[in-house]
Amino acid sequence: MIINFTIDRFEADKAVLITDDGAAVVWPKDKLPDGAHEGSALSFDITEKQEREKRDKQTAKDILNEIIN
């Protein structure tokens, strides 16, 4: 899923990003691309990390098995 943002403003070390539908997100300023400024258009590609999810499920199973046994 691609989410489009515009940098609305900077507040100290944070940036306020606004989505196309008006939702606001506060983002660390140092995690923005070099040269980003108020009005810059950004796109975030959000995907599910299947490997992490698989690992987390296995960890949960291991813990449950350890408790049961």
N, C-alpha and C. Protein backbone atom coordinates (compact mmCIF):
# COMPACT_ATOMS: atom_id res chain seq x y z
N MET A 1 0.84 -1.16 0.00
CA MET A 1 0.00 0.00 0.00
C MET A 1 0.89 1.23 0.00
N ILE A 2 0.61 2.15 -0.88
CA ILE A 2 1.35 3.41 -0.95
C ILE A 2 0.51 4.49 -0.26
N ILE A 3 1.13 5.23 0.66
CA ILE A 3 0.48 6.36 1.31
C ILE A 3 1.26 7.61 0.95
N ASN A 4 0.57 8.60 0.44
CA ASN A 4 1.18 9.87 0.05
C ASN A 4 1.04 10.89 1.17
N PHE A 5 2.13 11.60 1.43
CA PHE A 5 2.16 12.63 2.46
C PHE A 5 2.71 13.92 1.88
N THR A 6 2.39 15.01 2.54
CA THR A 6 3.01 16.30 2.30
C THR A 6 3.55 16.79 3.63
N ILE A 7 4.77 17.31 3.64
CA ILE A 7 5.30 17.87 4.88
C ILE A 7 4.58 19.19 5.12
N ASP A 8 3.81 19.22 6.19
CA ASP A 8 3.04 20.41 6.53
C ASP A 8 3.90 21.44 7.25
N ARG A 9 4.66 20.94 8.26
CA ARG A 9 5.49 21.87 9.04
C ARG A 9 6.49 21.07 9.87
N PHE A 10 7.45 21.79 10.42
CA PHE A 10 8.43 21.21 11.33
C PHE A 10 8.19 21.78 12.72
N GLU A 11 8.29 20.93 13.71
CA GLU A 11 8.18 21.33 15.11
C GLU A 11 9.36 20.71 15.86
N ALA A 12 10.34 21.54 16.16
CA ALA A 12 11.59 21.08 16.80
C ALA A 12 12.21 19.99 15.93
N ASP A 13 12.38 18.78 16.46
CA ASP A 13 13.03 17.70 15.71
C ASP A 13 12.02 16.76 15.05
N LYS A 14 10.77 17.21 14.93
CA LYS A 14 9.70 16.40 14.32
C LYS A 14 9.15 17.12 13.09
N ALA A 15 8.58 16.32 12.20
CA ALA A 15 7.88 16.85 11.03
C ALA A 15 6.43 16.41 11.12
N VAL A 16 5.52 17.28 10.78
CA VAL A 16 4.11 16.93 10.73
C VAL A 16 3.78 16.66 9.27
N LEU A 17 3.40 15.42 9.00
CA LEU A 17 3.06 14.99 7.65
C LEU A 17 1.56 14.87 7.53
N ILE A 18 1.01 15.30 6.42
CA ILE A 18 -0.43 15.24 6.19
C ILE A 18 -0.69 14.32 5.00
N THR A 19 -1.61 13.37 5.19
CA THR A 19 -1.98 12.46 4.11
C THR A 19 -2.95 13.16 3.16
N ASP A 20 -3.20 12.52 2.03
CA ASP A 20 -4.13 13.07 1.05
C ASP A 20 -5.54 13.24 1.63
N ASP A 21 -5.90 12.39 2.60
CA ASP A 21 -7.23 12.50 3.20
C ASP A 21 -7.24 13.34 4.48
N GLY A 22 -6.13 14.01 4.77
CA GLY A 22 -6.09 14.96 5.88
C GLY A 22 -5.60 14.44 7.21
N ALA A 23 -5.26 13.17 7.31
CA ALA A 23 -4.74 12.62 8.56
C ALA A 23 -3.32 13.14 8.79
N ALA A 24 -3.00 13.41 10.05
CA ALA A 24 -1.67 13.93 10.40
C ALA A 24 -0.84 12.84 11.05
N VAL A 25 0.44 12.84 10.73
CA VAL A 25 1.40 11.90 11.32
C VAL A 25 2.63 12.70 11.74
N VAL A 26 3.10 12.46 12.95
CA VAL A 26 4.33 13.10 13.41
C VAL A 26 5.48 12.14 13.14
N TRP A 27 6.51 12.63 12.48
CA TRP A 27 7.62 11.79 12.01
C TRP A 27 8.94 12.43 12.43
N PRO A 28 9.93 11.64 12.83
CA PRO A 28 11.24 12.22 13.17
C PRO A 28 11.85 12.93 11.96
N LYS A 29 12.29 14.14 12.20
CA LYS A 29 12.88 14.96 11.13
C LYS A 29 14.11 14.28 10.53
N ASP A 30 14.90 13.61 11.36
CA ASP A 30 16.12 12.98 10.87
C ASP A 30 15.87 11.69 10.07
N LYS A 31 14.62 11.27 9.98
CA LYS A 31 14.26 10.09 9.17
C LYS A 31 13.66 10.49 7.83
N LEU A 32 13.72 11.78 7.50
CA LEU A 32 13.24 12.26 6.21
C LEU A 32 14.40 12.30 5.21
N PRO A 33 14.10 12.27 3.92
CA PRO A 33 15.17 12.37 2.92
C PRO A 33 15.90 13.71 3.03
N ASP A 34 17.18 13.71 2.69
CA ASP A 34 17.96 14.96 2.67
C ASP A 34 17.27 15.96 1.75
N GLY A 35 17.22 17.19 2.19
CA GLY A 35 16.64 18.25 1.38
C GLY A 35 15.13 18.37 1.50
N ALA A 36 14.49 17.51 2.30
CA ALA A 36 13.04 17.61 2.47
C ALA A 36 12.70 18.93 3.16
N HIS A 37 11.63 19.55 2.73
CA HIS A 37 11.23 20.85 3.26
C HIS A 37 9.71 20.91 3.33
N GLU A 38 9.21 21.95 3.99
CA GLU A 38 7.76 22.13 4.04
C GLU A 38 7.21 22.15 2.62
N GLY A 39 6.17 21.38 2.39
CA GLY A 39 5.59 21.28 1.05
C GLY A 39 6.11 20.11 0.24
N SER A 40 7.19 19.45 0.70
CA SER A 40 7.71 18.29 -0.03
C SER A 40 6.67 17.17 -0.05
N ALA A 41 6.55 16.52 -1.19
CA ALA A 41 5.66 15.37 -1.33
C ALA A 41 6.47 14.10 -1.07
N LEU A 42 5.91 13.22 -0.24
CA LEU A 42 6.56 11.96 0.12
C LEU A 42 5.61 10.81 -0.15
N SER A 43 6.14 9.65 -0.41
CA SER A 43 5.35 8.43 -0.55
C SER A 43 5.96 7.37 0.36
N PHE A 44 5.12 6.72 1.13
CA PHE A 44 5.55 5.62 1.98
C PHE A 44 4.94 4.35 1.43
N ASP A 45 5.75 3.33 1.26
CA ASP A 45 5.29 2.02 0.81
C ASP A 45 5.21 1.13 2.05
N ILE A 46 4.01 0.80 2.47
CA ILE A 46 3.81 0.02 3.68
C ILE A 46 3.45 -1.41 3.28
N THR A 47 4.29 -2.34 3.71
CA THR A 47 4.04 -3.75 3.41
C THR A 47 4.19 -4.57 4.68
N GLU A 48 3.59 -5.74 4.68
CA GLU A 48 3.65 -6.64 5.82
C GLU A 48 4.98 -7.39 5.80
N LYS A 49 5.59 -7.47 6.94
CA LYS A 49 6.84 -8.21 7.07
C LYS A 49 6.51 -9.65 7.47
N GLN A 50 6.33 -10.50 6.49
CA GLN A 50 5.90 -11.87 6.73
C GLN A 50 6.92 -12.67 7.53
N GLU A 51 8.18 -12.46 7.26
CA GLU A 51 9.20 -13.21 8.00
C GLU A 51 9.18 -12.86 9.48
N ARG A 52 9.03 -11.59 9.81
CA ARG A 52 8.98 -11.18 11.21
C ARG A 52 7.75 -11.76 11.89
N GLU A 53 6.64 -11.73 11.17
CA GLU A 53 5.41 -12.29 11.72
C GLU A 53 5.57 -13.79 11.97
N LYS A 54 6.19 -14.48 11.02
CA LYS A 54 6.42 -15.92 11.17
C LYS A 54 7.31 -16.19 12.38
N ARG A 55 8.38 -15.40 12.54
CA ARG A 55 9.29 -15.57 13.66
C ARG A 55 8.59 -15.29 14.98
N ASP A 56 7.76 -14.25 15.03
CA ASP A 56 7.04 -13.92 16.25
C ASP A 56 6.06 -15.02 16.64
N LYS A 57 5.39 -15.60 15.65
CA LYS A 57 4.47 -16.70 15.92
C LYS A 57 5.23 -17.90 16.48
N GLN A 58 6.39 -18.20 15.91
CA GLN A 58 7.19 -19.32 16.39
C GLN A 58 7.66 -19.07 17.81
N THR A 59 8.07 -17.86 18.11
CA THR A 59 8.50 -17.51 19.47
C THR A 59 7.35 -17.71 20.45
N ALA A 60 6.15 -17.28 20.08
CA ALA A 60 4.99 -17.46 20.94
C ALA A 60 4.70 -18.93 21.16
N LYS A 61 4.80 -19.74 20.11
CA LYS A 61 4.58 -21.19 20.25
C LYS A 61 5.63 -21.80 21.18
N ASP A 62 6.89 -21.39 21.01
CA ASP A 62 7.96 -21.92 21.87
C ASP A 62 7.71 -21.58 23.33
N ILE A 63 7.26 -20.37 23.59
CA ILE A 63 7.00 -19.96 24.97
C ILE A 63 5.84 -20.77 25.55
N LEU A 64 4.78 -20.93 24.77
CA LEU A 64 3.63 -21.73 25.24
C LEU A 64 4.04 -23.17 25.50
N ASN A 65 4.82 -23.75 24.62
CA ASN A 65 5.29 -25.12 24.83
C ASN A 65 6.15 -25.24 26.08
N GLU A 66 6.97 -24.25 26.33
CA GLU A 66 7.81 -24.25 27.52
C GLU A 66 6.95 -24.16 28.79
N ILE A 67 5.89 -23.36 28.75
CA ILE A 67 5.00 -23.24 29.91
C ILE A 67 4.24 -24.54 30.14
N ILE A 68 3.75 -25.15 29.06
CA ILE A 68 2.96 -26.38 29.17
C ILE A 68 3.82 -27.55 29.67
N ASN A 69 5.03 -27.61 29.20
CA ASN A 69 5.90 -28.74 29.58
C ASN A 69 6.61 -28.37 30.81
